[in-house]
All heavy atoms as atom14 arrays in JSON, in Angstrom:
{
  "sequence": "KFVRSVYKVVYNARLGLEKGQEVVYITERAVFRLTRKGLRLEEY",
  "atom14_mask": [
    [1, 1, 1, 1, 1, 1, 1, 1, 1, 0, 0, 0, 0, 0],
    [1, 1, 1, 1, 1, 1, 1, 1, 1, 1, 1, 0, 0, 0],
    [1, 1, 1, 1, 1, 1, 1, 0, 0, 0, 0, 0, 0, 0],
    [1, 1, 1, 1, 1, 1, 1, 1, 1, 1, 1, 0, 0, 0],
    [1, 1, 1, 1, 1, 1, 0, 0, 0, 0, 0, 0, 0, 0],
    [1, 1, 1, 1, 1, 1, 1, 0, 0, 0, 0, 0, 0, 0],
    [1, 1, 1, 1, 1, 1, 1, 1, 1, 1, 1, 1, 0, 0],
    [1, 1, 1, 1, 1, 1, 1, 1, 1, 0, 0, 0, 0, 0],
    [1, 1, 1, 1, 1, 1, 1, 0, 0, 0, 0, 0, 0, 0],
    [1, 1, 1, 1, 1, 1, 1, 0, 0, 0, 0, 0, 0, 0],
    [1, 1, 1, 1, 1, 1, 1, 1, 1, 1, 1, 1, 0, 0],
    [1, 1, 1, 1, 1, 1, 1, 1, 0, 0, 0, 0, 0, 0],
    [1, 1, 1, 1, 1, 0, 0, 0, 0, 0, 0, 0, 0, 0],
    [1, 1, 1, 1, 1, 1, 1, 1, 1, 1, 1, 0, 0, 0],
    [1, 1, 1, 1, 1, 1, 1, 1, 0, 0, 0, 0, 0, 0],
    [1, 1, 1, 1, 0, 0, 0, 0, 0, 0, 0, 0, 0, 0],
    [1, 1, 1, 1, 1, 1, 1, 1, 0, 0, 0, 0, 0, 0],
    [1, 1, 1, 1, 1, 1, 1, 1, 1, 0, 0, 0, 0, 0],
    [1, 1, 1, 1, 1, 1, 1, 1, 1, 0, 0, 0, 0, 0],
    [1, 1, 1, 1, 0, 0, 0, 0, 0, 0, 0, 0, 0, 0],
    [1, 1, 1, 1, 1, 1, 1, 1, 1, 0, 0, 0, 0, 0],
    [1, 1, 1, 1, 1, 1, 1, 1, 1, 0, 0, 0, 0, 0],
    [1, 1, 1, 1, 1, 1, 1, 0, 0, 0, 0, 0, 0, 0],
    [1, 1, 1, 1, 1, 1, 1, 0, 0, 0, 0, 0, 0, 0],
    [1, 1, 1, 1, 1, 1, 1, 1, 1, 1, 1, 1, 0, 0],
    [1, 1, 1, 1, 1, 1, 1, 1, 0, 0, 0, 0, 0, 0],
    [1, 1, 1, 1, 1, 1, 1, 0, 0, 0, 0, 0, 0, 0],
    [1, 1, 1, 1, 1, 1, 1, 1, 1, 0, 0, 0, 0, 0],
    [1, 1, 1, 1, 1, 1, 1, 1, 1, 1, 1, 0, 0, 0],
    [1, 1, 1, 1, 1, 0, 0, 0, 0, 0, 0, 0, 0, 0],
    [1, 1, 1, 1, 1, 1, 1, 0, 0, 0, 0, 0, 0, 0],
    [1, 1, 1, 1, 1, 1, 1, 1, 1, 1, 1, 0, 0, 0],
    [1, 1, 1, 1, 1, 1, 1, 1, 1, 1, 1, 0, 0, 0],
    [1, 1, 1, 1, 1, 1, 1, 1, 0, 0, 0, 0, 0, 0],
    [1, 1, 1, 1, 1, 1, 1, 0, 0, 0, 0, 0, 0, 0],
    [1, 1, 1, 1, 1, 1, 1, 1, 1, 1, 1, 0, 0, 0],
    [1, 1, 1, 1, 1, 1, 1, 1, 1, 0, 0, 0, 0, 0],
    [1, 1, 1, 1, 0, 0, 0, 0, 0, 0, 0, 0, 0, 0],
    [1, 1, 1, 1, 1, 1, 1, 1, 0, 0, 0, 0, 0, 0],
    [1, 1, 1, 1, 1, 1, 1, 1, 1, 1, 1, 0, 0, 0],
    [1, 1, 1, 1, 1, 1, 1, 1, 0, 0, 0, 0, 0, 0],
    [1, 1, 1, 1, 1, 1, 1, 1, 1, 0, 0, 0, 0, 0],
    [1, 1, 1, 1, 1, 1, 1, 1, 1, 0, 0, 0, 0, 0],
    [1, 1, 1, 1, 1, 1, 1, 1, 1, 1, 1, 1, 0, 0]
  ],
  "atom14_positions": [
    [[0.83, -1.22, 0.04], [-0.02, 0.01, -0.01], [0.86, 1.27, 0.0], [0.37, 2.36, -0.34], [-0.95, 0.02, 1.22], [-1.94, -1.16, 1.19], [-2.81, -1.24, 2.44], [-3.74, -0.12, 2.62], [-4.54, -0.21, 3.79], [0.0, 0.0, 0.0], [0.0, 0.0, 0.0], [0.0, 0.0, 0.0], [0.0, 0.0, 0.0], [0.0, 0.0, 0.0]],
    [[2.13, 1.11, 0.32], [3.05, 2.23, 0.3], [3.81, 2.07, -0.95], [4.81, 1.26, -1.04], [3.98, 2.28, 1.55], [3.19, 2.75, 2.75], [2.41, 1.87, 3.55], [3.27, 4.12, 3.21], [1.73, 2.32, 4.63], [2.55, 4.57, 4.31], [1.75, 3.68, 4.96], [0.0, 0.0, 0.0], [0.0, 0.0, 0.0], [0.0, 0.0, 0.0]],
    [[3.46, 2.8, -1.99], [3.9, 2.58, -3.39], [4.66, 3.81, -3.91], [4.59, 4.91, -3.36], [2.68, 2.3, -4.32], [1.98, 1.01, -3.9], [1.63, 3.48, -4.29], [0.0, 0.0, 0.0], [0.0, 0.0, 0.0], [0.0, 0.0, 0.0], [0.0, 0.0, 0.0], [0.0, 0.0, 0.0], [0.0, 0.0, 0.0], [0.0, 0.0, 0.0]],
    [[5.45, 3.65, -5.03], [6.15, 4.7, -5.58], [5.24, 5.77, -6.09], [5.55, 6.96, -5.97], [7.06, 4.15, -6.74], [8.1, 5.12, -7.13], [9.25, 4.48, -7.9], [9.93, 3.49, -7.1], [10.8, 3.67, -6.18], [11.16, 4.96, -5.9], [11.42, 2.72, -5.51], [0.0, 0.0, 0.0], [0.0, 0.0, 0.0], [0.0, 0.0, 0.0]],
    [[4.16, 5.35, -6.85], [3.15, 6.39, -7.26], [1.75, 5.82, -7.03], [1.55, 4.65, -7.48], [3.37, 6.72, -8.74], [4.57, 7.32, -8.98], [0.0, 0.0, 0.0], [0.0, 0.0, 0.0], [0.0, 0.0, 0.0], [0.0, 0.0, 0.0], [0.0, 0.0, 0.0], [0.0, 0.0, 0.0], [0.0, 0.0, 0.0], [0.0, 0.0, 0.0]],
    [[0.82, 6.63, -6.5], [-0.51, 6.14, -6.33], [-1.26, 6.06, -7.68], [-0.89, 6.74, -8.67], [-1.3, 7.08, -5.43], [-0.7, 6.96, -4.01], [-1.38, 8.53, -5.92], [0.0, 0.0, 0.0], [0.0, 0.0, 0.0], [0.0, 0.0, 0.0], [0.0, 0.0, 0.0], [0.0, 0.0, 0.0], [0.0, 0.0, 0.0], [0.0, 0.0, 0.0]],
    [[-2.31, 5.23, -7.83], [-3.06, 5.11, -9.06], [-3.67, 6.35, -9.44], [-3.64, 6.84, -10.63], [-3.97, 3.93, -8.98], [-4.95, 3.86, -10.07], [-4.5, 3.56, -11.36], [-6.36, 3.95, -9.87], [-5.39, 3.4, -12.45], [-7.19, 3.91, -11.0], [-6.71, 3.63, -12.25], [-7.63, 3.53, -13.29], [0.0, 0.0, 0.0], [0.0, 0.0, 0.0]],
    [[-4.37, 7.03, -8.41], [-5.0, 8.28, -8.65], [-4.77, 9.16, -7.42], [-4.89, 8.68, -6.28], [-6.52, 8.16, -8.82], [-6.96, 7.37, -10.04], [-6.71, 8.11, -11.4], [-7.24, 7.37, -12.53], [-6.9, 8.0, -13.82], [0.0, 0.0, 0.0], [0.0, 0.0, 0.0], [0.0, 0.0, 0.0], [0.0, 0.0, 0.0], [0.0, 0.0, 0.0]],
    [[-4.37, 10.39, -7.66], [-4.16, 11.3, -6.52], [-5.46, 11.88, -6.08], [-6.15, 12.56, -6.84], [-3.17, 12.43, -6.89], [-3.06, 13.51, -5.76], [-1.85, 11.87, -7.24], [0.0, 0.0, 0.0], [0.0, 0.0, 0.0], [0.0, 0.0, 0.0], [0.0, 0.0, 0.0], [0.0, 0.0, 0.0], [0.0, 0.0, 0.0], [0.0, 0.0, 0.0]],
    [[-5.86, 11.62, -4.85], [-7.07, 12.21, -4.25], [-6.73, 13.19, -3.16], [-7.44, 14.17, -2.95], [-8.04, 11.09, -3.8], [-9.44, 11.71, -3.36], [-8.27, 10.06, -4.8], [0.0, 0.0, 0.0], [0.0, 0.0, 0.0], [0.0, 0.0, 0.0], [0.0, 0.0, 0.0], [0.0, 0.0, 0.0], [0.0, 0.0, 0.0], [0.0, 0.0, 0.0]],
    [[-5.62, 13.01, -2.48], [-5.01, 13.99, -1.58], [-3.69, 14.4, -2.19], [-2.84, 13.54, -2.37], [-4.84, 13.5, -0.24], [-4.04, 14.39, 0.67], [-4.57, 15.67, 1.14], [-2.75, 14.08, 1.03], [-3.76, 16.51, 1.93], [-1.94, 14.92, 1.73], [-2.49, 16.15, 2.19], [-1.67, 16.98, 2.97], [0.0, 0.0, 0.0], [0.0, 0.0, 0.0]],
    [[-3.49, 15.65, -2.38], [-2.2, 16.09, -2.94], [-1.32, 16.66, -1.8], [-1.64, 17.71, -1.2], [-2.43, 17.24, -3.98], [-1.15, 17.69, -4.71], [-0.2, 18.09, -4.12], [-1.17, 17.58, -6.0], [0.0, 0.0, 0.0], [0.0, 0.0, 0.0], [0.0, 0.0, 0.0], [0.0, 0.0, 0.0], [0.0, 0.0, 0.0], [0.0, 0.0, 0.0]],
    [[-0.24, 15.91, -1.47], [0.57, 16.22, -0.38], [1.33, 17.51, -0.57], [1.53, 18.28, 0.44], [1.52, 15.07, -0.06], [0.0, 0.0, 0.0], [0.0, 0.0, 0.0], [0.0, 0.0, 0.0], [0.0, 0.0, 0.0], [0.0, 0.0, 0.0], [0.0, 0.0, 0.0], [0.0, 0.0, 0.0], [0.0, 0.0, 0.0], [0.0, 0.0, 0.0]],
    [[1.8, 17.86, -1.77], [2.56, 19.03, -2.01], [1.61, 20.26, -1.66], [2.11, 21.22, -0.98], [2.95, 19.11, -3.43], [3.67, 20.45, -3.74], [4.07, 20.49, -5.31], [2.93, 20.4, -6.11], [2.11, 21.45, -6.44], [2.42, 22.69, -5.89], [1.12, 21.34, -7.24], [0.0, 0.0, 0.0], [0.0, 0.0, 0.0], [0.0, 0.0, 0.0]],
    [[0.44, 20.3, -2.07], [-0.48, 21.4, -1.8], [-0.79, 21.39, -0.31], [-0.96, 22.53, 0.28], [-1.74, 21.33, -2.6], [-1.63, 21.41, -4.12], [-2.96, 21.18, -4.83], [-0.94, 22.72, -4.47], [0.0, 0.0, 0.0], [0.0, 0.0, 0.0], [0.0, 0.0, 0.0], [0.0, 0.0, 0.0], [0.0, 0.0, 0.0], [0.0, 0.0, 0.0]],
    [[-0.85, 20.25, 0.31], [-1.16, 20.25, 1.76], [0.06, 20.87, 2.55], [-0.21, 21.68, 3.51], [0.0, 0.0, 0.0], [0.0, 0.0, 0.0], [0.0, 0.0, 0.0], [0.0, 0.0, 0.0], [0.0, 0.0, 0.0], [0.0, 0.0, 0.0], [0.0, 0.0, 0.0], [0.0, 0.0, 0.0], [0.0, 0.0, 0.0], [0.0, 0.0, 0.0]],
    [[1.22, 20.53, 2.14], [2.4, 21.15, 2.8], [2.44, 22.66, 2.58], [2.81, 23.47, 3.44], [3.74, 20.56, 2.28], [4.01, 19.09, 2.83], [5.17, 18.47, 2.05], [4.31, 19.13, 4.29], [0.0, 0.0, 0.0], [0.0, 0.0, 0.0], [0.0, 0.0, 0.0], [0.0, 0.0, 0.0], [0.0, 0.0, 0.0], [0.0, 0.0, 0.0]],
    [[2.04, 23.17, 1.32], [2.08, 24.57, 1.07], [1.07, 25.28, 1.93], [1.32, 26.46, 2.29], [1.72, 24.78, -0.41], [2.86, 24.39, -1.36], [2.52, 24.57, -2.88], [1.36, 25.03, -3.11], [3.3, 24.21, -3.65], [0.0, 0.0, 0.0], [0.0, 0.0, 0.0], [0.0, 0.0, 0.0], [0.0, 0.0, 0.0], [0.0, 0.0, 0.0]],
    [[-0.02, 24.63, 2.21], [-1.06, 25.2, 3.18], [-0.64, 25.14, 4.63], [-1.34, 25.71, 5.49], [-2.4, 24.52, 2.98], [-3.11, 24.71, 1.72], [-4.4, 23.99, 1.62], [-5.32, 24.52, 2.85], [-6.57, 23.8, 2.99], [0.0, 0.0, 0.0], [0.0, 0.0, 0.0], [0.0, 0.0, 0.0], [0.0, 0.0, 0.0], [0.0, 0.0, 0.0]],
    [[0.44, 24.36, 4.98], [0.84, 24.26, 6.4], [0.13, 23.16, 7.04], [0.18, 23.16, 8.32], [0.0, 0.0, 0.0], [0.0, 0.0, 0.0], [0.0, 0.0, 0.0], [0.0, 0.0, 0.0], [0.0, 0.0, 0.0], [0.0, 0.0, 0.0], [0.0, 0.0, 0.0], [0.0, 0.0, 0.0], [0.0, 0.0, 0.0], [0.0, 0.0, 0.0]],
    [[-0.39, 22.13, 6.34], [-1.04, 21.02, 7.02], [-0.02, 20.2, 7.85], [1.1, 19.97, 7.39], [-1.85, 20.12, 6.05], [-3.14, 20.64, 5.58], [-3.8, 19.66, 4.63], [-3.2, 19.12, 3.73], [-5.13, 19.45, 4.78], [0.0, 0.0, 0.0], [0.0, 0.0, 0.0], [0.0, 0.0, 0.0], [0.0, 0.0, 0.0], [0.0, 0.0, 0.0]],
    [[-0.47, 19.67, 8.93], [0.23, 18.61, 9.65], [-0.32, 17.23, 9.23], [-1.55, 17.07, 9.3], [0.09, 18.82, 11.2], [0.62, 20.1, 11.73], [0.35, 20.18, 13.15], [0.26, 19.22, 13.87], [0.31, 21.38, 13.62], [0.0, 0.0, 0.0], [0.0, 0.0, 0.0], [0.0, 0.0, 0.0], [0.0, 0.0, 0.0], [0.0, 0.0, 0.0]],
    [[0.49, 16.32, 8.76], [-0.04, 15.07, 8.2], [0.75, 13.91, 8.84], [1.94, 13.87, 8.77], [0.11, 15.06, 6.64], [-0.47, 13.82, 6.11], [-0.48, 16.35, 6.05], [0.0, 0.0, 0.0], [0.0, 0.0, 0.0], [0.0, 0.0, 0.0], [0.0, 0.0, 0.0], [0.0, 0.0, 0.0], [0.0, 0.0, 0.0], [0.0, 0.0, 0.0]],
    [[-0.06, 12.97, 9.31], [0.45, 11.72, 9.91], [-0.24, 10.52, 9.25], [-1.42, 10.54, 8.94], [0.2, 11.69, 11.44], [0.85, 10.42, 12.06], [0.83, 12.94, 12.06], [0.0, 0.0, 0.0], [0.0, 0.0, 0.0], [0.0, 0.0, 0.0], [0.0, 0.0, 0.0], [0.0, 0.0, 0.0], [0.0, 0.0, 0.0], [0.0, 0.0, 0.0]],
    [[0.54, 9.43, 9.03], [0.03, 8.21, 8.44], [0.17, 7.16, 9.46], [1.2, 6.79, 9.99], [0.79, 7.82, 7.13], [0.88, 8.96, 6.15], [1.88, 9.99, 6.28], [0.01, 9.01, 5.05], [1.88, 11.03, 5.36], [0.09, 10.07, 4.18], [1.07, 11.08, 4.35], [1.1, 12.1, 3.39], [0.0, 0.0, 0.0], [0.0, 0.0, 0.0]],
    [[-1.01, 6.52, 9.88], [-1.02, 5.59, 11.03], [-1.44, 4.22, 10.58], [-2.44, 4.03, 9.94], [-2.01, 6.18, 12.07], [-1.51, 7.51, 12.62], [-2.14, 5.16, 13.24], [-2.53, 8.21, 13.45], [0.0, 0.0, 0.0], [0.0, 0.0, 0.0], [0.0, 0.0, 0.0], [0.0, 0.0, 0.0], [0.0, 0.0, 0.0], [0.0, 0.0, 0.0]],
    [[-0.58, 3.25, 10.87], [-0.9, 1.79, 10.62], [-0.75, 1.0, 11.91], [-0.36, 1.57, 12.92], [-0.01, 1.27, 9.46], [1.25, 0.98, 10.04], [0.14, 2.19, 8.33], [0.0, 0.0, 0.0], [0.0, 0.0, 0.0], [0.0, 0.0, 0.0], [0.0, 0.0, 0.0], [0.0, 0.0, 0.0], [0.0, 0.0, 0.0], [0.0, 0.0, 0.0]],
    [[-1.01, -0.25, 11.78], [-0.85, -1.06, 12.98], [0.54, -1.31, 13.28], [0.85, -1.75, 14.49], [-1.65, -2.46, 12.76], [-0.92, -3.46, 11.91], [-0.72, -3.17, 10.39], [-1.4, -2.22, 9.96], [-0.06, -3.94, 9.74], [0.0, 0.0, 0.0], [0.0, 0.0, 0.0], [0.0, 0.0, 0.0], [0.0, 0.0, 0.0], [0.0, 0.0, 0.0]],
    [[1.54, -1.1, 12.41], [2.94, -1.44, 12.73], [3.87, -0.26, 12.51], [5.07, -0.37, 12.9], [3.38, -2.61, 11.78], [3.58, -2.2, 10.37], [3.91, -3.36, 9.45], [2.74, -4.17, 9.28], [2.74, -5.29, 8.43], [3.81, -5.53, 7.74], [1.69, -6.03, 8.3], [0.0, 0.0, 0.0], [0.0, 0.0, 0.0], [0.0, 0.0, 0.0]],
    [[3.37, 0.89, 11.97], [4.29, 1.98, 11.67], [3.51, 3.28, 11.71], [2.31, 3.32, 11.27], [4.98, 1.82, 10.36], [0.0, 0.0, 0.0], [0.0, 0.0, 0.0], [0.0, 0.0, 0.0], [0.0, 0.0, 0.0], [0.0, 0.0, 0.0], [0.0, 0.0, 0.0], [0.0, 0.0, 0.0], [0.0, 0.0, 0.0], [0.0, 0.0, 0.0]],
    [[4.16, 4.28, 12.15], [3.62, 5.69, 12.04], [4.6, 6.59, 11.35], [5.76, 6.61, 11.64], [3.31, 6.25, 13.52], [2.82, 7.73, 13.36], [2.31, 5.33, 14.23], [0.0, 0.0, 0.0], [0.0, 0.0, 0.0], [0.0, 0.0, 0.0], [0.0, 0.0, 0.0], [0.0, 0.0, 0.0], [0.0, 0.0, 0.0], [0.0, 0.0, 0.0]],
    [[4.05, 7.28, 10.26], [4.9, 8.13, 9.49], [4.4, 9.54, 9.62], [3.21, 9.83, 9.8], [4.88, 7.74, 7.98], [5.34, 6.34, 7.67], [4.39, 5.28, 7.71], [6.66, 6.1, 7.37], [4.84, 3.99, 7.36], [7.02, 4.76, 7.05], [6.07, 3.73, 7.04], [0.0, 0.0, 0.0], [0.0, 0.0, 0.0], [0.0, 0.0, 0.0]],
    [[5.33, 10.5, 9.4], [4.89, 11.94, 9.32], [5.41, 12.5, 8.01], [6.45, 12.14, 7.5], [5.58, 12.76, 10.47], [4.98, 14.11, 10.67], [5.47, 14.71, 12.0], [4.97, 13.96, 13.16], [3.78, 14.22, 13.74], [2.98, 15.08, 13.28], [3.46, 13.45, 14.86], [0.0, 0.0, 0.0], [0.0, 0.0, 0.0], [0.0, 0.0, 0.0]],
    [[4.57, 13.35, 7.37], [4.88, 14.02, 6.13], [5.83, 15.14, 6.38], [5.64, 16.01, 7.18], [3.6, 14.44, 5.42], [3.8, 15.17, 4.11], [4.39, 14.24, 3.03], [2.5, 15.71, 3.59], [0.0, 0.0, 0.0], [0.0, 0.0, 0.0], [0.0, 0.0, 0.0], [0.0, 0.0, 0.0], [0.0, 0.0, 0.0], [0.0, 0.0, 0.0]],
    [[6.89, 15.17, 5.59], [7.88, 16.26, 5.58], [8.08, 16.75, 4.19], [7.63, 16.08, 3.26], [9.22, 15.83, 6.16], [9.99, 15.07, 5.19], [9.12, 15.06, 7.47], [0.0, 0.0, 0.0], [0.0, 0.0, 0.0], [0.0, 0.0, 0.0], [0.0, 0.0, 0.0], [0.0, 0.0, 0.0], [0.0, 0.0, 0.0], [0.0, 0.0, 0.0]],
    [[8.77, 17.85, 4.05], [9.02, 18.36, 2.68], [9.95, 17.49, 1.85], [10.01, 17.6, 0.61], [9.57, 19.82, 2.72], [8.58, 20.75, 3.29], [8.99, 22.22, 3.02], [7.91, 23.13, 3.6], [6.79, 23.38, 2.95], [6.65, 22.98, 1.71], [5.9, 24.2, 3.49], [0.0, 0.0, 0.0], [0.0, 0.0, 0.0], [0.0, 0.0, 0.0]],
    [[10.61, 16.54, 2.52], [11.48, 15.55, 1.8], [10.84, 14.19, 1.65], [11.47, 13.36, 1.04], [12.8, 15.38, 2.57], [13.69, 16.67, 2.63], [14.98, 16.46, 3.36], [15.82, 17.69, 3.43], [17.09, 17.49, 4.21], [0.0, 0.0, 0.0], [0.0, 0.0, 0.0], [0.0, 0.0, 0.0], [0.0, 0.0, 0.0], [0.0, 0.0, 0.0]],
    [[9.62, 14.08, 2.1], [8.86, 12.83, 1.95], [8.44, 12.29, 3.34], [8.4, 12.94, 4.32], [0.0, 0.0, 0.0], [0.0, 0.0, 0.0], [0.0, 0.0, 0.0], [0.0, 0.0, 0.0], [0.0, 0.0, 0.0], [0.0, 0.0, 0.0], [0.0, 0.0, 0.0], [0.0, 0.0, 0.0], [0.0, 0.0, 0.0], [0.0, 0.0, 0.0]],
    [[8.11, 10.99, 3.34], [7.55, 10.34, 4.54], [8.74, 9.98, 5.49], [9.73, 9.49, 5.02], [6.8, 9.04, 4.18], [5.28, 9.21, 4.06], [4.91, 10.14, 2.95], [4.64, 7.89, 3.91], [0.0, 0.0, 0.0], [0.0, 0.0, 0.0], [0.0, 0.0, 0.0], [0.0, 0.0, 0.0], [0.0, 0.0, 0.0], [0.0, 0.0, 0.0]],
    [[8.5, 10.25, 6.76], [9.55, 9.99, 7.78], [8.92, 8.97, 8.74], [7.86, 9.21, 9.35], [9.91, 11.2, 8.48], [11.1, 11.01, 9.48], [11.56, 12.3, 10.12], [10.45, 12.9, 10.92], [10.31, 14.23, 11.05], [11.16, 15.11, 10.49], [9.37, 14.69, 11.81], [0.0, 0.0, 0.0], [0.0, 0.0, 0.0], [0.0, 0.0, 0.0]],
    [[9.58, 7.83, 8.88], [9.17, 6.78, 9.89], [9.52, 7.26, 11.35], [10.66, 7.49, 11.49], [9.86, 5.49, 9.53], [9.56, 4.33, 10.53], [8.04, 3.93, 10.46], [10.36, 3.05, 10.2], [0.0, 0.0, 0.0], [0.0, 0.0, 0.0], [0.0, 0.0, 0.0], [0.0, 0.0, 0.0], [0.0, 0.0, 0.0], [0.0, 0.0, 0.0]],
    [[8.51, 7.31, 12.17], [8.66, 7.83, 13.45], [8.45, 6.77, 14.59], [9.06, 6.82, 15.62], [7.81, 9.03, 13.73], [8.1, 10.22, 12.85], [7.62, 11.51, 13.38], [6.66, 11.49, 14.14], [8.27, 12.59, 13.1], [0.0, 0.0, 0.0], [0.0, 0.0, 0.0], [0.0, 0.0, 0.0], [0.0, 0.0, 0.0], [0.0, 0.0, 0.0]],
    [[7.54, 5.81, 14.29], [7.29, 4.81, 15.3], [7.07, 3.39, 14.63], [6.69, 3.34, 13.49], [5.97, 5.15, 16.07], [6.05, 6.39, 16.86], [4.72, 6.68, 17.63], [4.0, 5.68, 17.83], [4.45, 7.87, 17.88], [0.0, 0.0, 0.0], [0.0, 0.0, 0.0], [0.0, 0.0, 0.0], [0.0, 0.0, 0.0], [0.0, 0.0, 0.0]],
    [[7.39, 2.34, 15.43], [7.18, 0.99, 14.91], [6.54, 0.13, 16.07], [6.72, 0.52, 17.24], [8.43, 0.35, 14.4], [9.53, 0.22, 15.42], [9.62, -0.99, 16.14], [10.37, 1.3, 15.74], [10.63, -1.12, 17.15], [11.31, 1.2, 16.61], [11.46, 0.0, 17.33], [12.41, -0.1, 18.33], [0.0, 0.0, 0.0], [0.0, 0.0, 0.0]]
  ]
}
């Protein structure tokens, strides 16, 4: 589910960062945070 390119963009992360959004991706085994350089793994 964590892929190089999504099939269709429904949330645009670049525009979200430009707006100043805080974005976290939560799964059962990993927690990531969105940065300007990409996803950062913060918890496992």
